[in-house]
Amino acid sequence: MRWMTDRGLVIPGGADTLGLYHRLVQARLPCVVELVPADESLLVVLEQGGVIPPGILDILNNASAETRVSIGRQHDIPVHFDGADLAEVAERAALSPAAAVELLCSLNLRVKFLGFQPGFAYLEGLPPELQIPRLSSPRKNVPAGSVALGGGYCGIYPAAGPGGWHLIGVSDVKMFDPDMVPPARLQPGDTVRLVAA
């Protein structure tokens, strides 16, 4: 553990970051204002003047604690698979575009963490053949709703903006709305199935 600020505590989680996140959510520890999972770490934000709750140390020291990562919601996201990079993604995977779409639609992806843009969920669970590096030169403008692959993740852009992932399609589902509770449609631990629209 290390302090990020006077209220932010960064805890390395490694491959079990999402499990650690859910254990701490379920523990409802006093003084904890927010939990923010990242790729392999967890940020614990404490209330002003808060101290490290002893329960955190108990959870960290209990390596055998049962991880419950299935408490999230299931989302079926309709996608028009007509992205500019779908043919290239399929070719790199040694598949036809139709077979690549079929494979994508067969997956149960899981939200590992949010970042990059408000509501942008990093979806893990891609098979190795679909794990492709980011573009060597990012696009200046990716339309909102674009479904893309980058590294080991799939993502859906909540808003238009720059992006360096391979575009495979687009979805009409609104991923972020400040009037929704919570504003981000997808939350850590949720599962996602892409459905051909």
Protein backbone atom coordinates (compact mmCIF):
# COMPACT_ATOMS: atom_id res chain seq x y z
CA MET A 1 0.00 0.00 0.00
CA ARG A 2 1.08 3.57 -0.59
CA TRP A 3 -0.49 6.97 -0.16
CA MET A 4 -1.42 8.77 -3.40
CA THR A 5 -2.64 11.91 -1.61
CA ASP A 6 -3.61 12.66 1.97
CA ARG A 7 -6.88 10.77 1.29
CA GLY A 8 -5.96 8.32 -1.48
CA LEU A 9 -4.48 4.93 -0.76
CA VAL A 10 -3.21 2.79 -3.68
CA ILE A 11 -3.31 -0.96 -3.10
CA PRO A 12 -1.64 -3.32 -5.61
CA GLY A 13 -4.15 -5.98 -6.61
CA GLY A 14 -2.50 -7.76 -9.52
CA ALA A 15 -4.76 -10.22 -11.31
CA ASP A 16 -7.22 -10.15 -8.38
CA THR A 17 -7.85 -6.37 -8.38
CA LEU A 18 -11.51 -6.87 -9.29
CA GLY A 19 -11.94 -9.49 -6.55
CA LEU A 20 -10.30 -7.16 -4.02
CA TYR A 21 -12.59 -4.34 -5.18
CA HIS A 22 -15.70 -6.47 -4.61
CA ARG A 23 -14.52 -7.71 -1.22
CA LEU A 24 -14.01 -4.11 -0.10
CA VAL A 25 -17.38 -3.02 -1.55
CA GLN A 26 -19.11 -5.79 0.39
CA ALA A 27 -17.21 -4.92 3.59
CA ARG A 28 -18.65 -1.36 3.64
CA LEU A 29 -15.73 -0.11 5.70
CA PRO A 30 -16.07 3.18 7.61
CA CYS A 31 -14.24 6.24 6.27
CA VAL A 32 -14.15 4.82 2.69
CA VAL A 33 -15.73 7.30 0.28
CA GLU A 34 -14.90 5.65 -3.05
CA LEU A 35 -13.16 2.60 -4.51
CA VAL A 36 -11.62 2.95 -7.97
CA PRO A 37 -10.22 -0.21 -9.61
CA ALA A 38 -7.50 0.18 -12.24
CA ASP A 39 -5.60 -2.34 -14.35
CA GLU A 40 -3.67 -3.96 -11.48
CA SER A 41 -4.29 -1.67 -8.53
CA LEU A 42 -7.11 -0.22 -6.47
CA LEU A 43 -7.47 3.38 -5.27
CA VAL A 44 -9.22 3.69 -1.90
CA VAL A 45 -10.43 7.25 -1.26
CA LEU A 46 -10.97 8.04 2.42
CA GLU A 47 -13.11 10.79 3.87
CA GLN A 48 -11.30 13.95 4.97
CA GLY A 49 -9.22 13.18 8.05
CA GLY A 50 -9.97 9.47 7.70
CA VAL A 51 -7.51 6.82 8.77
CA ILE A 52 -6.89 3.40 7.24
CA PRO A 53 -9.74 1.23 8.48
CA PRO A 54 -8.36 -1.93 10.16
CA GLY A 55 -10.75 -3.98 8.00
CA ILE A 56 -8.67 -3.23 4.92
CA LEU A 57 -5.66 -4.96 6.42
CA ASP A 58 -7.82 -7.96 7.42
CA ILE A 59 -9.10 -8.29 3.83
CA LEU A 60 -5.60 -7.91 2.33
CA ASN A 61 -4.15 -10.48 4.71
CA ASN A 62 -6.94 -12.98 4.05
CA ALA A 63 -5.67 -14.35 0.74
CA SER A 64 -8.18 -17.19 0.88
CA ALA A 65 -11.19 -14.85 0.91
CA GLU A 66 -13.77 -15.92 -1.61
CA THR A 67 -13.87 -13.57 -4.57
CA ARG A 68 -17.34 -12.71 -5.74
CA VAL A 69 -16.95 -11.05 -9.11
CA SER A 70 -20.33 -12.17 -10.40
CA ILE A 71 -22.36 -9.65 -8.40
CA GLY A 72 -22.46 -7.22 -11.33
CA ARG A 73 -25.24 -6.89 -13.86
CA GLN A 74 -25.43 -8.59 -17.26
CA HIS A 75 -25.71 -6.30 -20.32
CA ASP A 76 -26.53 -7.30 -23.89
CA ILE A 77 -25.17 -4.53 -26.13
CA PRO A 78 -26.42 -4.44 -29.75
CA VAL A 79 -23.59 -3.66 -32.17
CA HIS A 80 -23.57 -2.87 -35.88
CA PHE A 81 -20.38 -4.70 -36.88
CA ASP A 82 -19.29 -2.39 -39.69
CA GLY A 83 -16.16 -0.81 -38.19
CA ALA A 84 -13.34 0.50 -40.34
CA ASP A 85 -10.88 -2.02 -38.88
CA LEU A 86 -13.06 -5.16 -38.72
CA ALA A 87 -11.51 -6.74 -41.84
CA GLU A 88 -7.97 -6.12 -40.54
CA VAL A 89 -8.84 -7.50 -37.08
CA ALA A 90 -10.35 -10.61 -38.68
CA GLU A 91 -7.32 -11.10 -40.95
CA ARG A 92 -4.90 -10.83 -38.01
CA ALA A 93 -6.98 -13.45 -36.19
CA ALA A 94 -6.94 -15.71 -39.30
CA LEU A 95 -10.74 -15.48 -39.48
CA SER A 96 -13.29 -14.17 -41.93
CA PRO A 97 -15.06 -10.98 -40.78
CA ALA A 98 -18.24 -13.03 -40.22
CA ALA A 99 -16.35 -15.58 -38.11
CA ALA A 100 -14.71 -12.77 -36.09
CA VAL A 101 -18.14 -11.29 -35.37
CA GLU A 102 -19.47 -14.71 -34.38
CA LEU A 103 -16.53 -15.18 -32.02
CA LEU A 104 -17.02 -11.72 -30.48
CA CYS A 105 -20.72 -12.40 -29.93
CA SER A 106 -19.95 -15.70 -28.18
CA LEU A 107 -17.87 -14.05 -25.46
CA ASN A 108 -18.84 -13.08 -21.93
CA LEU A 109 -16.74 -9.98 -21.40
CA ARG A 110 -16.27 -8.52 -17.93
CA VAL A 111 -15.80 -4.89 -16.92
CA LYS A 112 -12.39 -4.76 -15.26
CA PHE A 113 -12.29 -1.01 -14.62
CA LEU A 114 -13.40 2.38 -15.99
CA GLY A 115 -11.17 5.12 -17.35
CA PHE A 116 -9.97 7.18 -20.32
CA GLN A 117 -13.39 8.89 -20.71
CA PRO A 118 -16.29 9.07 -18.25
CA GLY A 119 -18.11 5.74 -18.65
CA PHE A 120 -15.42 4.06 -20.78
CA ALA A 121 -15.31 0.45 -19.56
CA TYR A 122 -12.29 -1.78 -20.15
CA LEU A 123 -13.82 -5.17 -21.02
CA GLU A 124 -11.60 -8.21 -20.46
CA GLY A 125 -12.07 -11.74 -21.75
CA LEU A 126 -10.85 -11.55 -25.35
CA PRO A 127 -9.24 -14.73 -26.70
CA PRO A 128 -5.57 -14.39 -27.72
CA GLU A 129 -6.33 -14.12 -31.43
CA LEU A 130 -8.36 -10.93 -30.83
CA GLN A 131 -5.78 -9.31 -28.55
CA ILE A 132 -4.09 -6.94 -30.96
CA PRO A 133 -1.85 -3.94 -30.26
CA ARG A 134 -3.16 -0.42 -30.41
CA LEU A 135 -2.87 1.53 -33.63
CA SER A 136 0.62 2.94 -34.25
CA SER A 137 -0.96 6.36 -34.82
CA PRO A 138 -4.21 7.20 -32.97
CA ARG A 139 -7.19 8.66 -34.78
CA LYS A 140 -7.98 12.28 -33.96
CA ASN A 141 -11.70 11.60 -33.77
CA VAL A 142 -13.53 8.38 -32.96
CA PRO A 143 -17.33 8.68 -33.03
CA ALA A 144 -19.35 8.11 -29.86
CA GLY A 145 -20.64 4.54 -29.61
CA SER A 146 -17.67 3.06 -31.46
CA VAL A 147 -16.83 -0.49 -30.36
CA ALA A 148 -13.10 -1.14 -30.48
CA LEU A 149 -10.31 -3.56 -29.55
CA GLY A 150 -6.94 -2.57 -28.11
CA GLY A 151 -4.41 -4.83 -26.41
CA GLY A 152 -6.32 -7.31 -24.29
CA TYR A 153 -9.45 -5.17 -24.02
CA CYS A 154 -12.67 -4.32 -25.81
CA GLY A 155 -14.30 -0.94 -25.22
CA ILE A 156 -17.21 1.23 -26.28
CA TYR A 157 -16.47 4.95 -26.62
CA PRO A 158 -19.09 6.91 -24.61
CA ALA A 159 -18.21 10.17 -26.38
CA ALA A 160 -16.46 11.29 -29.53
CA GLY A 161 -12.75 11.95 -29.16
CA PRO A 162 -9.29 10.68 -30.04
CA GLY A 163 -8.57 6.97 -29.83
CA GLY A 164 -5.96 4.41 -30.76
CA TRP A 165 -7.98 1.19 -30.79
CA HIS A 166 -9.20 -0.86 -33.76
CA LEU A 167 -12.81 0.00 -34.66
CA ILE A 168 -15.00 -3.06 -35.22
CA GLY A 169 -18.48 -1.56 -35.01
CA VAL A 170 -20.82 0.91 -33.38
CA SER A 171 -23.56 0.72 -30.75
CA ASP A 172 -26.50 3.06 -30.18
CA VAL A 173 -26.55 2.29 -26.44
CA LYS A 174 -25.74 5.36 -24.35
CA MET A 175 -22.77 4.44 -22.17
CA PHE A 176 -22.65 7.59 -20.03
CA ASP A 177 -25.39 9.97 -18.97
CA PRO A 178 -24.93 12.39 -16.05
CA ASP A 179 -28.68 12.10 -15.33
CA MET A 180 -28.48 8.30 -14.83
CA VAL A 181 -27.73 6.72 -11.45
CA PRO A 182 -24.95 5.74 -11.69
CA PRO A 183 -23.97 7.91 -14.70
CA ALA A 184 -21.88 5.12 -16.27
CA ARG A 185 -23.99 2.26 -17.65
CA LEU A 186 -21.25 -0.32 -17.04
CA GLN A 187 -19.66 -0.86 -13.62
CA PRO A 188 -16.68 -2.97 -12.51
CA GLY A 189 -17.70 -6.64 -12.33
CA ASP A 190 -20.58 -6.29 -14.82
CA THR A 191 -20.63 -8.74 -17.72
CA VAL A 192 -21.23 -7.77 -21.34
CA ARG A 193 -22.32 -9.73 -24.38
CA LEU A 194 -22.06 -8.08 -27.78
CA VAL A 195 -25.09 -8.85 -29.94
CA ALA A 196 -25.14 -8.34 -33.71
CA ALA A 197 -27.75 -5.66 -34.48
